[in-house]
C-alpha cells in the first residue's frame, strides 16, 4: 500500500527530504509519490505540516 499526496499539498518539500526511498518528486501542481518506489514507511506522512499525505 503506497502513500498518496492530496491537493492540500503546498509544495513545501518537507516530505521529499524525509523519504528514505527518494520516491517523492515535485509534480505539476504539488509533490507526488512514485508508488513503485514507496516503502510504505510513513515518514512522509509524519513530516507533512498540511496532513496532505495518507495511505492509499
N, C-alpha and C. Protein backbone atom coordinates (compact mmCIF):
# COMPACT_ATOMS: atom_id res chain seq x y z
N UNK A 1 0.85 -1.17 0.00
CA UNK A 1 0.00 0.00 0.00
C UNK A 1 0.89 1.24 0.00
N UNK A 2 0.92 1.97 -1.06
CA UNK A 2 1.73 3.18 -1.16
C UNK A 2 0.97 4.36 -0.55
N UNK A 3 1.70 5.40 -0.24
CA UNK A 3 1.10 6.63 0.26
C UNK A 3 0.81 7.54 -0.92
N UNK A 4 -0.15 8.45 -0.75
CA UNK A 4 -0.52 9.41 -1.79
C UNK A 4 -0.57 10.81 -1.18
N UNK A 5 -0.35 11.80 -2.03
CA UNK A 5 -0.37 13.20 -1.61
C UNK A 5 -1.60 13.86 -2.23
N UNK A 6 -2.40 14.50 -1.39
CA UNK A 6 -3.64 15.14 -1.85
C UNK A 6 -3.38 16.56 -2.36
N UNK A 7 -4.43 17.20 -2.83
CA UNK A 7 -4.33 18.57 -3.32
C UNK A 7 -4.09 19.58 -2.19
N UNK A 8 -4.13 19.14 -0.94
CA UNK A 8 -3.83 20.02 0.19
C UNK A 8 -2.34 20.36 0.25
N UNK A 9 -1.52 19.65 -0.51
CA UNK A 9 -0.08 19.87 -0.55
C UNK A 9 0.24 21.30 -0.99
N UNK A 10 1.15 21.96 -0.25
CA UNK A 10 1.58 23.32 -0.59
C UNK A 10 3.00 23.33 -1.17
N UNK A 11 3.50 22.16 -1.53
CA UNK A 11 4.82 22.01 -2.16
C UNK A 11 5.96 22.56 -1.32
N UNK A 12 5.92 22.30 -0.01
CA UNK A 12 7.00 22.78 0.86
C UNK A 12 8.25 21.90 0.75
N UNK A 13 8.08 20.63 0.34
CA UNK A 13 9.20 19.74 0.16
C UNK A 13 9.65 18.99 1.40
N UNK A 14 8.98 19.18 2.52
CA UNK A 14 9.37 18.50 3.76
C UNK A 14 9.31 16.99 3.60
N UNK A 15 8.32 16.51 2.89
CA UNK A 15 8.15 15.06 2.70
C UNK A 15 9.28 14.47 1.88
N UNK A 16 9.67 15.16 0.82
CA UNK A 16 10.73 14.66 -0.06
C UNK A 16 12.05 14.54 0.69
N UNK A 17 12.30 15.49 1.58
CA UNK A 17 13.54 15.47 2.34
C UNK A 17 13.60 14.29 3.31
N UNK A 18 12.44 13.80 3.77
CA UNK A 18 12.39 12.72 4.74
C UNK A 18 12.25 11.33 4.12
N UNK A 19 11.99 11.24 2.83
CA UNK A 19 11.73 9.95 2.18
C UNK A 19 13.03 9.16 1.99
N UNK A 20 13.17 8.01 2.68
CA UNK A 20 14.40 7.23 2.55
C UNK A 20 14.55 6.55 1.19
N UNK A 21 13.46 6.41 0.45
CA UNK A 21 13.49 5.76 -0.86
C UNK A 21 13.59 6.75 -2.01
N UNK A 22 13.60 8.04 -1.68
CA UNK A 22 13.62 9.09 -2.70
C UNK A 22 12.49 8.89 -3.71
N UNK A 23 11.31 8.52 -3.19
CA UNK A 23 10.15 8.22 -4.03
C UNK A 23 9.27 9.45 -4.28
N UNK A 24 9.63 10.59 -3.71
CA UNK A 24 8.80 11.79 -3.81
C UNK A 24 9.50 12.83 -4.67
N UNK A 25 8.74 13.37 -5.63
CA UNK A 25 9.29 14.40 -6.51
C UNK A 25 8.22 15.47 -6.75
N UNK A 26 8.67 16.62 -7.21
CA UNK A 26 7.75 17.72 -7.46
C UNK A 26 6.99 17.47 -8.76
N UNK A 27 5.67 17.52 -8.67
CA UNK A 27 4.81 17.33 -9.84
C UNK A 27 4.36 18.67 -10.39
N UNK A 28 3.37 18.65 -11.27
CA UNK A 28 2.88 19.88 -11.89
C UNK A 28 2.22 20.83 -10.88
N UNK A 29 1.36 20.28 -10.01
CA UNK A 29 0.65 21.14 -9.08
C UNK A 29 1.06 20.93 -7.62
N UNK A 30 1.65 19.79 -7.31
CA UNK A 30 2.14 19.50 -5.97
C UNK A 30 3.08 18.31 -6.02
N UNK A 31 3.69 17.98 -4.90
CA UNK A 31 4.60 16.83 -4.87
C UNK A 31 3.83 15.54 -5.10
N UNK A 32 4.51 14.54 -5.63
CA UNK A 32 3.88 13.25 -5.95
C UNK A 32 4.77 12.12 -5.46
N UNK A 33 4.14 10.98 -5.13
CA UNK A 33 4.87 9.81 -4.66
C UNK A 33 4.83 8.73 -5.73
N UNK A 34 5.99 8.20 -6.09
CA UNK A 34 6.07 7.09 -7.03
C UNK A 34 5.68 5.82 -6.27
N UNK A 35 4.52 5.24 -6.57
CA UNK A 35 4.05 4.07 -5.81
C UNK A 35 4.96 2.85 -5.94
N UNK A 36 5.70 2.76 -7.02
CA UNK A 36 6.60 1.62 -7.21
C UNK A 36 7.85 1.72 -6.35
N UNK A 37 8.21 2.94 -5.96
CA UNK A 37 9.40 3.15 -5.15
C UNK A 37 9.08 3.31 -3.66
N UNK A 38 7.83 3.61 -3.35
CA UNK A 38 7.41 3.86 -1.96
C UNK A 38 7.61 2.62 -1.10
N UNK A 39 8.23 2.82 0.09
CA UNK A 39 8.49 1.72 1.02
C UNK A 39 7.38 1.54 2.04
N UNK A 40 6.35 2.37 1.98
CA UNK A 40 5.24 2.33 2.93
C UNK A 40 5.69 2.56 4.37
N UNK A 41 6.71 3.36 4.56
CA UNK A 41 7.25 3.58 5.91
C UNK A 41 6.49 4.66 6.67
N UNK A 42 5.84 5.58 5.96
CA UNK A 42 5.07 6.64 6.60
C UNK A 42 5.86 7.84 7.05
N UNK A 43 7.15 7.87 6.78
CA UNK A 43 7.97 9.01 7.19
C UNK A 43 7.46 10.32 6.59
N UNK A 44 6.99 10.26 5.37
CA UNK A 44 6.49 11.46 4.70
C UNK A 44 5.22 11.98 5.37
N UNK A 45 4.31 11.09 5.70
CA UNK A 45 3.04 11.48 6.33
C UNK A 45 3.28 12.11 7.70
N UNK A 46 4.25 11.58 8.43
CA UNK A 46 4.57 12.13 9.75
C UNK A 46 5.18 13.52 9.66
N UNK A 47 5.79 13.84 8.53
CA UNK A 47 6.50 15.10 8.35
C UNK A 47 5.62 16.20 7.76
N UNK A 48 4.60 15.86 7.02
CA UNK A 48 3.80 16.84 6.28
C UNK A 48 3.05 17.80 7.23
N UNK A 49 3.33 19.11 7.14
CA UNK A 49 2.67 20.08 8.01
C UNK A 49 1.21 20.31 7.63
N UNK A 50 0.81 19.92 6.45
CA UNK A 50 -0.56 20.12 5.99
C UNK A 50 -1.42 18.85 6.12
N UNK A 51 -0.83 17.77 6.60
CA UNK A 51 -1.53 16.47 6.69
C UNK A 51 -2.11 16.07 5.34
N UNK A 52 -1.33 16.32 4.29
CA UNK A 52 -1.77 16.05 2.92
C UNK A 52 -1.40 14.66 2.42
N UNK A 53 -0.74 13.86 3.27
CA UNK A 53 -0.28 12.54 2.84
C UNK A 53 -1.00 11.48 3.64
N UNK A 54 -1.53 10.48 2.93
CA UNK A 54 -2.23 9.39 3.60
C UNK A 54 -1.97 8.09 2.87
N UNK A 55 -2.25 6.99 3.56
CA UNK A 55 -2.11 5.67 2.95
C UNK A 55 -3.19 5.52 1.90
N UNK A 56 -2.81 4.92 0.80
CA UNK A 56 -3.75 4.74 -0.33
C UNK A 56 -4.77 3.68 -0.01
